[in-house]
Amino acid sequence: DFQHYGRFVVRELHRSSRGKQKNIEQSRQDHYVRFTALMKLPDPCMPSSPPCERNYFLACYAVSLAQGKNLRNQIIRGSTVSNYLSAACSLLDDRRLPYTCK
């Protein structure tokens, strides 16, 4: 029965694409952590800094990404820069650290 096999294929495709996205996010987080180490930050989440300082650092990171200092060392689209920033911000979210100025 064709549908019987199709369900397995669809489930496996969905599962593998979810895993791929998770790997991409992890790679982007690792890239952010390496960037913070290059900038000599003792903690990538900057817990003792005010939110505006974290926000400024993330903006500098975005400029670095846009200039080609990313996983592929090439110029990337704005949406890809946003994805890198989202991955970095999720590290801050995990520690409940705000990164926007109020």
Protein backbone atom coordinates (compact mmCIF):
# COMPACT_ATOMS: atom_id res chain seq x y z
CA ASP A 1 0.00 0.00 0.00
CA PHE A 2 1.57 3.24 -1.22
CA GLN A 3 0.12 5.45 1.53
CA HIS A 4 1.55 3.16 4.18
CA TYR A 5 5.10 3.83 2.93
CA GLY A 6 4.40 7.49 2.28
CA ARG A 7 3.60 8.14 5.94
CA PHE A 8 7.05 6.86 6.93
CA VAL A 9 8.76 9.02 4.32
CA VAL A 10 6.88 12.18 5.38
CA ARG A 11 7.58 11.54 9.07
CA GLU A 12 11.29 10.94 8.42
CA LEU A 13 11.62 14.04 6.22
CA HIS A 14 9.94 16.16 8.86
CA ARG A 15 12.15 14.75 11.62
CA SER A 16 15.39 15.15 9.67
CA SER A 17 14.61 18.75 8.64
CA ARG A 18 13.87 19.60 12.28
CA GLY A 19 17.21 18.08 13.26
CA LYS A 20 19.00 20.02 10.53
CA GLN A 21 17.51 23.31 11.75
CA LYS A 22 18.61 22.51 15.30
CA ASN A 23 22.15 21.81 14.06
CA ILE A 24 22.21 25.09 12.14
CA GLU A 25 21.06 27.00 15.22
CA GLN A 26 23.69 25.26 17.35
CA SER A 27 26.40 26.12 14.80
CA ARG A 28 25.32 29.76 14.83
CA GLN A 29 25.36 29.83 18.63
CA ASP A 30 28.84 28.31 18.60
CA HIS A 31 29.91 31.00 16.11
CA TYR A 32 28.61 33.71 18.45
CA VAL A 33 30.48 32.19 21.39
CA ARG A 34 33.70 32.11 19.34
CA PHE A 35 33.12 35.75 18.34
CA THR A 36 32.71 36.78 21.98
CA ALA A 37 35.94 34.94 22.83
CA LEU A 38 37.74 36.81 20.03
CA MET A 39 36.43 40.04 21.55
CA LYS A 40 37.82 38.84 24.89
CA LEU A 41 34.47 38.71 26.68
CA PRO A 42 34.65 36.40 29.70
CA ASP A 43 30.97 35.41 29.32
CA PRO A 44 29.13 35.49 25.95
CA CYS A 45 25.89 36.49 27.69
CA MET A 46 27.42 39.47 29.49
CA PRO A 47 25.30 38.97 32.64
CA SER A 48 26.85 41.88 34.55
CA SER A 49 26.28 44.34 31.68
CA PRO A 50 23.15 46.45 31.26
CA PRO A 51 20.75 45.49 28.43
CA CYS A 52 21.86 48.45 26.27
CA GLU A 53 25.44 47.20 26.37
CA ARG A 54 24.37 43.69 25.30
CA ASN A 55 22.27 45.27 22.55
CA TYR A 56 25.25 47.33 21.36
CA PHE A 57 27.47 44.24 21.31
CA LEU A 58 24.85 42.32 19.29
CA ALA A 59 24.74 45.23 16.82
CA CYS A 60 28.54 45.00 16.45
CA TYR A 61 28.18 41.25 15.91
CA ALA A 62 25.60 41.93 13.17
CA VAL A 63 28.03 44.28 11.41
CA SER A 64 30.74 41.65 11.62
CA LEU A 65 28.40 39.05 10.10
CA ALA A 66 27.33 41.40 7.32
CA GLN A 67 30.99 41.98 6.48
CA GLY A 68 31.45 38.27 5.87
CA LYS A 69 32.73 37.03 9.22
CA ASN A 70 30.28 34.15 9.46
CA LEU A 71 30.35 30.36 9.20
CA ARG A 72 30.98 30.48 5.44
CA ASN A 73 33.15 33.60 5.41
CA GLN A 74 31.02 35.25 2.74
CA ILE A 75 28.62 38.16 2.43
CA ILE A 76 25.17 37.05 3.63
CA ARG A 77 21.63 38.40 3.31
CA GLY A 78 19.96 40.45 6.01
CA SER A 79 17.59 37.61 6.81
CA THR A 80 20.55 35.32 7.47
CA VAL A 81 22.13 37.94 9.75
CA SER A 82 18.80 37.99 11.61
CA ASN A 83 18.95 34.22 11.99
CA TYR A 84 22.45 34.44 13.46
CA LEU A 85 21.25 37.14 15.87
CA SER A 86 18.24 35.04 16.85
CA ALA A 87 20.55 32.15 17.69
CA ALA A 88 22.73 34.45 19.81
CA CYS A 89 19.70 35.96 21.52
CA SER A 90 18.36 32.52 22.39
CA LEU A 91 21.49 32.08 24.55
CA LEU A 92 20.52 35.25 26.40
CA ASP A 93 16.90 34.12 26.61
CA ASP A 94 18.00 30.82 28.16
CA ARG A 95 19.57 32.81 30.99
CA ARG A 96 16.66 35.29 31.14
CA LEU A 97 18.91 38.23 30.29
CA PRO A 98 17.25 41.17 28.54
CA TYR A 99 19.05 42.61 25.55
CA THR A 100 16.83 45.47 24.47
CA CYS A 101 16.92 49.00 25.83
CA LYS A 102 13.71 50.16 27.43
